Amino acid sequence: MGDEQREHRAKKNIYATLLAARVRALGMVLAMALVAAPSHAGDDIRAEPTRTAKERLGGKASDEQRVDNCKVPPDLRGPKPRPERCGDGTGEKR
């Protein structure tokens, strides 16, 4: 009966060793994945102003003439205040 107990203990030790090796390997894989993952902790999710779907999908909002007054004659500029200076900082019409 002593031999059977030794065999049983040896099998238990092998299984415990294999389990410990698997746990260590999994831990190393997870640690490498965490190190490789990009960090977004400092990102501000509200960096851009909120726009409606119509604004996002339409080309009207990105029309340069609507962004500033550079290409718009003074008599057609309308009541909405827009920057007078052009995108290149010259202040002249393009």
C-alpha atoms as a PDB file:
ATOM      1  CA  MET A   1       0.000   0.000   0.000  1.00  0.00           C
ATOM      2  CA  GLY A   2       2.932   2.344   0.441  1.00  0.00           C
ATOM      3  CA  ASP A   3       3.738   2.204  -3.287  1.00  0.00           C
ATOM      4  CA  GLU A   4       0.162   3.118  -4.222  1.00  0.00           C
ATOM      5  CA  GLN A   5       0.221   6.148  -1.926  1.00  0.00           C
ATOM      6  CA  ARG A   6       3.518   7.307  -3.417  1.00  0.00           C
ATOM      7  CA  GLU A   7       2.126   6.950  -6.952  1.00  0.00           C
ATOM      8  CA  HIS A   8      -0.997   8.853  -5.959  1.00  0.00           C
ATOM      9  CA  ARG A   9       1.061  11.659  -4.432  1.00  0.00           C
ATOM     10  CA  ALA A  10       3.333  11.788  -7.490  1.00  0.00           C
ATOM     11  CA  LYS A  11       0.309  12.119  -9.803  1.00  0.00           C
ATOM     12  CA  LYS A  12      -1.120  14.878  -7.610  1.00  0.00           C
ATOM     13  CA  ASN A  13       2.224  16.712  -7.715  1.00  0.00           C
ATOM     14  CA  ILE A  14       2.383  16.444 -11.523  1.00  0.00           C
ATOM     15  CA  TYR A  15      -1.149  17.823 -11.901  1.00  0.00           C
ATOM     16  CA  ALA A  16      -0.458  20.641  -9.460  1.00  0.00           C
ATOM     17  CA  THR A  17       2.761  21.524 -11.308  1.00  0.00           C
ATOM     18  CA  LEU A  18       1.003  21.514 -14.690  1.00  0.00           C
ATOM     19  CA  LEU A  19      -1.821  23.673 -13.333  1.00  0.00           C
ATOM     20  CA  ALA A  20       0.640  26.148 -11.836  1.00  0.00           C
ATOM     21  CA  ALA A  21       2.542  26.345 -15.150  1.00  0.00           C
ATOM     22  CA  ARG A  22      -0.687  27.015 -17.057  1.00  0.00           C
ATOM     23  CA  VAL A  23      -1.720  29.736 -14.614  1.00  0.00           C
ATOM     24  CA  ARG A  24       1.700  31.387 -14.924  1.00  0.00           C
ATOM     25  CA  ALA A  25       1.598  31.229 -18.728  1.00  0.00           C
ATOM     26  CA  LEU A  26      -1.888  32.748 -18.780  1.00  0.00           C
ATOM     27  CA  GLY A  27      -0.733  35.486 -16.420  1.00  0.00           C
ATOM     28  CA  MET A  28       2.203  36.341 -18.680  1.00  0.00           C
ATOM     29  CA  VAL A  29      -0.031  36.465 -21.773  1.00  0.00           C
ATOM     30  CA  LEU A  30      -2.467  38.788 -20.003  1.00  0.00           C
ATOM     31  CA  ALA A  31       0.365  41.011 -18.778  1.00  0.00           C
ATOM     32  CA  MET A  32       1.787  41.307 -22.300  1.00  0.00           C
ATOM     33  CA  ALA A  33      -1.660  42.155 -23.665  1.00  0.00           C
ATOM     34  CA  LEU A  34      -2.086  44.914 -21.071  1.00  0.00           C
ATOM     35  CA  VAL A  35       1.311  46.385 -21.860  1.00  0.00           C
ATOM     36  CA  ALA A  36       0.662  46.297 -25.614  1.00  0.00           C
ATOM     37  CA  ALA A  37      -2.842  47.816 -25.380  1.00  0.00           C
ATOM     38  CA  PRO A  38      -3.029  51.561 -26.112  1.00  0.00           C
ATOM     39  CA  SER A  39      -3.991  53.759 -23.219  1.00  0.00           C
ATOM     40  CA  HIS A  40      -6.900  56.162 -23.688  1.00  0.00           C
ATOM     41  CA  ALA A  41      -6.924  57.450 -20.119  1.00  0.00           C
ATOM     42  CA  GLY A  42      -6.098  61.052 -21.053  1.00  0.00           C
ATOM     43  CA  ASP A  43      -8.434  61.290 -24.030  1.00  0.00           C
ATOM     44  CA  ASP A  44     -11.308  63.710 -23.717  1.00  0.00           C
ATOM     45  CA  ILE A  45     -14.407  62.255 -25.322  1.00  0.00           C
ATOM     46  CA  ARG A  46     -15.861  65.732 -25.751  1.00  0.00           C
ATOM     47  CA  ALA A  47     -12.958  67.140 -27.754  1.00  0.00           C
ATOM     48  CA  GLU A  48     -15.217  68.146 -30.648  1.00  0.00           C
ATOM     49  CA  PRO A  49     -18.506  70.005 -30.367  1.00  0.00           C
ATOM     50  CA  THR A  50     -21.585  67.846 -30.636  1.00  0.00           C
ATOM     51  CA  ARG A  51     -23.107  67.908 -34.106  1.00  0.00           C
ATOM     52  CA  THR A  52     -26.408  66.598 -35.402  1.00  0.00           C
ATOM     53  CA  ALA A  53     -26.534  63.811 -37.982  1.00  0.00           C
ATOM     54  CA  LYS A  54     -27.492  66.336 -40.630  1.00  0.00           C
ATOM     55  CA  GLU A  55     -24.407  68.399 -39.806  1.00  0.00           C
ATOM     56  CA  ARG A  56     -22.110  65.348 -39.780  1.00  0.00           C
ATOM     57  CA  LEU A  57     -23.379  63.888 -43.048  1.00  0.00           C
ATOM     58  CA  GLY A  58     -23.934  67.040 -45.057  1.00  0.00           C
ATOM     59  CA  GLY A  59     -21.212  68.917 -46.882  1.00  0.00           C
ATOM     60  CA  LYS A  60     -22.860  72.215 -46.049  1.00  0.00           C
ATOM     61  CA  ALA A  61     -21.246  72.511 -42.619  1.00  0.00           C
ATOM     62  CA  SER A  62     -17.756  72.058 -44.021  1.00  0.00           C
ATOM     63  CA  ASP A  63     -18.225  74.592 -46.817  1.00  0.00           C
ATOM     64  CA  GLU A  64     -15.413  77.143 -46.406  1.00  0.00           C
ATOM     65  CA  GLN A  65     -17.695  79.997 -47.327  1.00  0.00           C
ATOM     66  CA  ARG A  66     -19.886  79.162 -44.347  1.00  0.00           C
ATOM     67  CA  VAL A  67     -16.933  78.938 -41.966  1.00  0.00           C
ATOM     68  CA  ASP A  68     -15.481  82.396 -42.552  1.00  0.00           C
ATOM     69  CA  ASN A  69     -16.210  85.557 -44.538  1.00  0.00           C
ATOM     70  CA  CYS A  70     -13.149  85.385 -46.803  1.00  0.00           C
ATOM     71  CA  LYS A  71     -15.019  84.414 -49.957  1.00  0.00           C
ATOM     72  CA  VAL A  72     -18.261  86.243 -49.219  1.00  0.00           C
ATOM     73  CA  PRO A  73     -18.752  89.807 -50.431  1.00  0.00           C
ATOM     74  CA  PRO A  74     -19.552  92.215 -47.535  1.00  0.00           C
ATOM     75  CA  ASP A  75     -23.099  92.917 -48.769  1.00  0.00           C
ATOM     76  CA  LEU A  76     -23.915  89.165 -48.807  1.00  0.00           C
ATOM     77  CA  ARG A  77     -22.414  88.188 -45.471  1.00  0.00           C
ATOM     78  CA  GLY A  78     -25.663  88.235 -43.529  1.00  0.00           C
ATOM     79  CA  PRO A  79     -26.295  88.910 -39.839  1.00  0.00           C
ATOM     80  CA  LYS A  80     -24.356  85.944 -38.425  1.00  0.00           C
ATOM     81  CA  PRO A  81     -20.921  87.038 -37.155  1.00  0.00           C
ATOM     82  CA  ARG A  82     -18.040  85.054 -38.641  1.00  0.00           C
ATOM     83  CA  PRO A  83     -14.269  85.537 -38.495  1.00  0.00           C
ATOM     84  CA  GLU A  84     -13.016  88.256 -40.800  1.00  0.00           C
ATOM     85  CA  ARG A  85      -9.558  86.765 -41.208  1.00  0.00           C
ATOM     86  CA  CYS A  86      -8.905  84.047 -43.791  1.00  0.00           C
ATOM     87  CA  GLY A  87      -7.589  80.629 -42.857  1.00  0.00           C
ATOM     88  CA  ASP A  88      -4.072  81.648 -43.892  1.00  0.00           C
ATOM     89  CA  GLY A  89      -4.136  84.592 -41.439  1.00  0.00           C
ATOM     90  CA  THR A  90      -3.828  87.329 -44.066  1.00  0.00           C
ATOM     91  CA  GLY A  91      -7.229  88.882 -43.620  1.00  0.00           C
ATOM     92  CA  GLU A  92      -7.561  89.260 -47.396  1.00  0.00           C
ATOM     93  CA  LYS A  93     -10.095  87.683 -49.678  1.00  0.00           C
ATOM     94  CA  ARG A  94      -8.848  84.713 -51.627  1.00  0.00           C
END
